[in-house]
N, C-alpha and C. Protein backbone atom coordinates (compact mmCIF):
# COMPACT_ATOMS: atom_id res chain seq x y z
N MET A 1 -5.57 -14.31 -1.75
CA MET A 1 -5.32 -13.59 -0.52
C MET A 1 -4.83 -14.56 0.54
N SER A 2 -4.11 -14.01 1.49
CA SER A 2 -3.41 -14.87 2.43
C SER A 2 -3.41 -14.25 3.83
N ASN A 3 -3.29 -15.11 4.81
CA ASN A 3 -3.14 -14.65 6.20
C ASN A 3 -1.71 -14.76 6.68
N LYS A 4 -0.78 -14.89 5.75
CA LYS A 4 0.64 -14.98 6.10
C LYS A 4 1.08 -13.68 6.76
N PRO A 5 2.12 -13.73 7.59
CA PRO A 5 2.66 -12.49 8.15
C PRO A 5 3.15 -11.57 7.05
N ILE A 6 3.06 -10.27 7.30
CA ILE A 6 3.48 -9.27 6.32
C ILE A 6 4.78 -8.64 6.78
N TYR A 7 5.78 -8.67 5.90
CA TYR A 7 7.09 -8.09 6.16
C TYR A 7 7.25 -6.86 5.28
N PHE A 8 7.71 -5.76 5.87
CA PHE A 8 7.92 -4.51 5.14
C PHE A 8 9.41 -4.32 4.87
N SER A 9 9.77 -4.20 3.60
CA SER A 9 11.17 -3.92 3.26
C SER A 9 11.51 -2.51 3.72
N GLU A 10 12.79 -2.22 3.82
CA GLU A 10 13.22 -0.87 4.20
C GLU A 10 12.74 0.15 3.18
N HIS A 11 12.82 -0.22 1.90
CA HIS A 11 12.35 0.69 0.86
C HIS A 11 10.86 1.00 1.04
N SER A 12 10.05 -0.02 1.31
CA SER A 12 8.61 0.22 1.48
C SER A 12 8.34 1.10 2.69
N LYS A 13 9.09 0.92 3.76
CA LYS A 13 8.91 1.78 4.95
C LYS A 13 9.22 3.23 4.63
N GLN A 14 10.29 3.46 3.88
CA GLN A 14 10.65 4.82 3.49
C GLN A 14 9.57 5.44 2.60
N GLN A 15 9.08 4.67 1.64
CA GLN A 15 8.05 5.18 0.74
C GLN A 15 6.74 5.45 1.47
N MET A 16 6.39 4.60 2.42
CA MET A 16 5.17 4.82 3.20
C MET A 16 5.27 6.13 3.98
N LYS A 17 6.39 6.36 4.61
CA LYS A 17 6.59 7.60 5.37
C LYS A 17 6.54 8.82 4.46
N LEU A 18 7.23 8.75 3.34
CA LEU A 18 7.30 9.85 2.39
C LEU A 18 5.93 10.17 1.79
N ARG A 19 5.16 9.13 1.49
CA ARG A 19 3.90 9.30 0.77
C ARG A 19 2.65 9.35 1.65
N GLY A 20 2.80 9.08 2.93
CA GLY A 20 1.67 9.20 3.83
C GLY A 20 0.80 7.96 3.96
N ALA A 21 1.40 6.78 3.95
CA ALA A 21 0.65 5.53 4.13
C ALA A 21 1.00 4.94 5.49
N LEU A 22 0.03 4.34 6.13
CA LEU A 22 0.24 3.68 7.41
C LEU A 22 0.34 2.17 7.22
N ALA A 23 1.09 1.52 8.09
CA ALA A 23 1.23 0.06 8.00
C ALA A 23 -0.12 -0.63 8.08
N GLU A 24 -1.03 -0.09 8.89
CA GLU A 24 -2.37 -0.67 9.03
C GLU A 24 -3.15 -0.59 7.70
N GLU A 25 -2.96 0.52 6.98
CA GLU A 25 -3.64 0.67 5.69
C GLU A 25 -3.09 -0.31 4.66
N VAL A 26 -1.78 -0.48 4.66
CA VAL A 26 -1.15 -1.41 3.73
C VAL A 26 -1.61 -2.84 4.04
N THR A 27 -1.65 -3.18 5.30
CA THR A 27 -2.10 -4.50 5.71
C THR A 27 -3.55 -4.73 5.30
N LEU A 28 -4.40 -3.74 5.53
CA LEU A 28 -5.81 -3.85 5.15
C LEU A 28 -5.95 -4.01 3.64
N ALA A 29 -5.16 -3.28 2.88
CA ALA A 29 -5.21 -3.40 1.42
C ALA A 29 -4.84 -4.82 1.00
N ILE A 30 -3.77 -5.36 1.55
CA ILE A 30 -3.33 -6.71 1.18
C ILE A 30 -4.37 -7.75 1.58
N ARG A 31 -4.94 -7.59 2.75
CA ARG A 31 -5.90 -8.58 3.25
C ARG A 31 -7.28 -8.46 2.60
N SER A 32 -7.64 -7.27 2.07
CA SER A 32 -9.01 -7.04 1.59
C SER A 32 -9.16 -6.90 0.09
N ALA A 33 -8.18 -6.32 -0.57
CA ALA A 33 -8.32 -6.02 -2.01
C ALA A 33 -8.00 -7.23 -2.87
N ASN A 34 -8.47 -7.18 -4.10
CA ASN A 34 -8.14 -8.23 -5.08
C ASN A 34 -6.69 -8.08 -5.51
N TRP A 35 -5.99 -9.19 -5.60
CA TRP A 35 -4.60 -9.19 -6.05
C TRP A 35 -4.55 -9.29 -7.56
N GLN A 36 -3.60 -8.58 -8.13
CA GLN A 36 -3.37 -8.63 -9.57
C GLN A 36 -1.90 -8.93 -9.81
N THR A 37 -1.60 -9.47 -10.96
CA THR A 37 -0.19 -9.73 -11.28
C THR A 37 0.51 -8.42 -11.61
N ALA A 38 1.78 -8.38 -11.30
CA ALA A 38 2.62 -7.21 -11.58
C ALA A 38 3.91 -7.71 -12.23
N LYS A 39 4.77 -6.79 -12.58
CA LYS A 39 6.04 -7.15 -13.23
C LYS A 39 6.93 -7.97 -12.29
N GLN A 40 7.84 -8.71 -12.87
CA GLN A 40 8.87 -9.46 -12.16
C GLN A 40 8.30 -10.46 -11.15
N ASN A 41 7.23 -11.15 -11.55
CA ASN A 41 6.59 -12.16 -10.70
C ASN A 41 6.13 -11.62 -9.35
N ARG A 42 5.70 -10.39 -9.35
CA ARG A 42 5.17 -9.76 -8.14
C ARG A 42 3.67 -9.61 -8.27
N LEU A 43 3.07 -9.17 -7.18
CA LEU A 43 1.64 -8.92 -7.13
C LEU A 43 1.41 -7.48 -6.72
N ARG A 44 0.19 -7.00 -6.99
CA ARG A 44 -0.17 -5.66 -6.54
C ARG A 44 -1.64 -5.65 -6.18
N CYS A 45 -2.00 -4.69 -5.35
CA CYS A 45 -3.40 -4.48 -5.00
C CYS A 45 -3.59 -3.00 -4.71
N ARG A 46 -4.85 -2.57 -4.82
CA ARG A 46 -5.21 -1.17 -4.56
C ARG A 46 -6.42 -1.15 -3.64
N PHE A 47 -6.42 -0.17 -2.74
CA PHE A 47 -7.54 -0.04 -1.81
C PHE A 47 -7.79 1.44 -1.54
N GLN A 48 -9.04 1.85 -1.61
CA GLN A 48 -9.41 3.26 -1.39
C GLN A 48 -9.84 3.48 0.06
N PHE A 49 -9.39 4.59 0.61
CA PHE A 49 -9.73 4.98 1.98
C PHE A 49 -10.35 6.38 1.97
N PRO A 50 -11.30 6.64 2.87
CA PRO A 50 -11.69 8.03 3.07
C PRO A 50 -10.49 8.75 3.71
N PHE A 51 -10.24 9.97 3.32
CA PHE A 51 -9.07 10.69 3.83
C PHE A 51 -9.47 11.98 4.54
N ASN A 52 -10.13 12.88 3.82
CA ASN A 52 -10.62 14.14 4.40
C ASN A 52 -9.56 14.87 5.22
N ALA A 53 -8.41 15.07 4.60
CA ALA A 53 -7.30 15.74 5.29
C ALA A 53 -6.37 16.37 4.27
N ILE A 54 -5.31 16.96 4.80
CA ILE A 54 -4.29 17.61 3.97
C ILE A 54 -3.24 16.57 3.58
N SER A 55 -2.94 16.49 2.30
CA SER A 55 -1.93 15.55 1.80
C SER A 55 -0.54 15.98 2.24
N PRO A 56 0.28 15.04 2.70
CA PRO A 56 1.67 15.38 3.02
C PRO A 56 2.50 15.65 1.77
N MET A 57 1.98 15.26 0.62
CA MET A 57 2.71 15.43 -0.63
C MET A 57 2.70 16.87 -1.12
N ASN A 58 1.52 17.53 -1.09
CA ASN A 58 1.44 18.87 -1.66
C ASN A 58 0.63 19.85 -0.81
N GLN A 59 0.30 19.46 0.39
CA GLN A 59 -0.39 20.33 1.35
C GLN A 59 -1.77 20.78 0.87
N GLN A 60 -2.46 19.96 0.07
CA GLN A 60 -3.81 20.26 -0.37
C GLN A 60 -4.78 19.27 0.26
N PHE A 61 -6.04 19.71 0.40
CA PHE A 61 -7.08 18.88 1.00
C PHE A 61 -7.61 17.88 -0.04
N TYR A 62 -7.76 16.63 0.40
CA TYR A 62 -8.35 15.59 -0.46
C TYR A 62 -9.30 14.73 0.37
N PRO A 63 -10.46 14.39 -0.19
CA PRO A 63 -11.40 13.54 0.54
C PRO A 63 -11.05 12.04 0.48
N PHE A 64 -10.23 11.63 -0.49
CA PHE A 64 -9.91 10.21 -0.65
C PHE A 64 -8.43 10.00 -0.90
N LYS A 65 -7.98 8.80 -0.53
CA LYS A 65 -6.65 8.36 -0.95
C LYS A 65 -6.73 6.88 -1.28
N THR A 66 -5.91 6.49 -2.24
CA THR A 66 -5.81 5.09 -2.64
C THR A 66 -4.39 4.63 -2.38
N ILE A 67 -4.29 3.49 -1.73
CA ILE A 67 -3.00 2.87 -1.46
C ILE A 67 -2.79 1.77 -2.50
N GLU A 68 -1.66 1.80 -3.19
CA GLU A 68 -1.29 0.71 -4.10
C GLU A 68 -0.06 0.03 -3.53
N VAL A 69 -0.15 -1.27 -3.35
CA VAL A 69 0.93 -2.04 -2.74
C VAL A 69 1.49 -3.02 -3.77
N VAL A 70 2.80 -3.03 -3.92
CA VAL A 70 3.48 -4.01 -4.75
C VAL A 70 4.21 -4.95 -3.79
N PHE A 71 3.97 -6.25 -3.94
CA PHE A 71 4.50 -7.21 -2.97
C PHE A 71 4.78 -8.55 -3.63
N ALA A 72 5.46 -9.40 -2.88
CA ALA A 72 5.75 -10.76 -3.34
C ALA A 72 5.21 -11.72 -2.29
N GLU A 73 4.58 -12.78 -2.76
CA GLU A 73 4.09 -13.81 -1.84
C GLU A 73 5.13 -14.91 -1.78
N LYS A 74 5.75 -15.05 -0.64
CA LYS A 74 6.75 -16.09 -0.39
C LYS A 74 6.07 -17.25 0.34
N PRO A 75 6.73 -18.40 0.42
CA PRO A 75 6.09 -19.53 1.11
C PRO A 75 5.73 -19.23 2.57
N GLU A 76 6.55 -18.42 3.25
CA GLU A 76 6.33 -18.19 4.67
C GLU A 76 5.78 -16.81 5.02
N ARG A 77 5.78 -15.87 4.06
CA ARG A 77 5.34 -14.51 4.35
C ARG A 77 5.03 -13.73 3.09
N ILE A 78 4.46 -12.54 3.29
CA ILE A 78 4.25 -11.59 2.20
C ILE A 78 5.26 -10.47 2.40
N GLU A 79 6.02 -10.18 1.36
CA GLU A 79 7.04 -9.14 1.44
C GLU A 79 6.58 -7.92 0.64
N VAL A 80 6.40 -6.80 1.34
CA VAL A 80 5.99 -5.56 0.69
C VAL A 80 7.23 -4.94 0.05
N ILE A 81 7.15 -4.71 -1.26
CA ILE A 81 8.28 -4.15 -2.01
C ILE A 81 8.22 -2.63 -2.01
N THR A 82 7.08 -2.08 -2.39
CA THR A 82 6.90 -0.63 -2.39
C THR A 82 5.44 -0.30 -2.20
N VAL A 83 5.19 0.95 -1.83
CA VAL A 83 3.83 1.45 -1.61
C VAL A 83 3.69 2.79 -2.31
N LYS A 84 2.61 2.92 -3.06
CA LYS A 84 2.29 4.18 -3.73
C LYS A 84 0.99 4.70 -3.14
N VAL A 85 0.87 6.02 -3.06
CA VAL A 85 -0.34 6.62 -2.51
C VAL A 85 -0.84 7.68 -3.50
N TYR A 86 -2.13 7.63 -3.79
CA TYR A 86 -2.76 8.58 -4.70
C TYR A 86 -3.84 9.33 -3.92
N TYR A 87 -3.78 10.65 -3.95
CA TYR A 87 -4.78 11.50 -3.29
C TYR A 87 -5.65 12.13 -4.36
N TYR A 88 -6.97 12.18 -4.13
CA TYR A 88 -7.85 12.75 -5.14
C TYR A 88 -9.18 13.18 -4.55
N ASN A 89 -9.92 13.91 -5.38
CA ASN A 89 -11.25 14.43 -5.00
C ASN A 89 -12.33 13.47 -5.43
């Protein structure tokens, strides 16, 4: 884990908006969750949040959501590649 600045790619910003993730949630996931290796020399992490709201994806109520972040650790920053969001009971 790192305290490097976090940079959001345009693709990740679009996916966050589409899937209902906030920049603060992505940052918390990167700073708090365990990092795992991912494809193409990237990293990923997952973090669960209480949600208790209607999902923007399918308009159904879910008590929890999990944010999965795929990112690259560069010498000067962390670059967020994409963000996935899972809603569940």
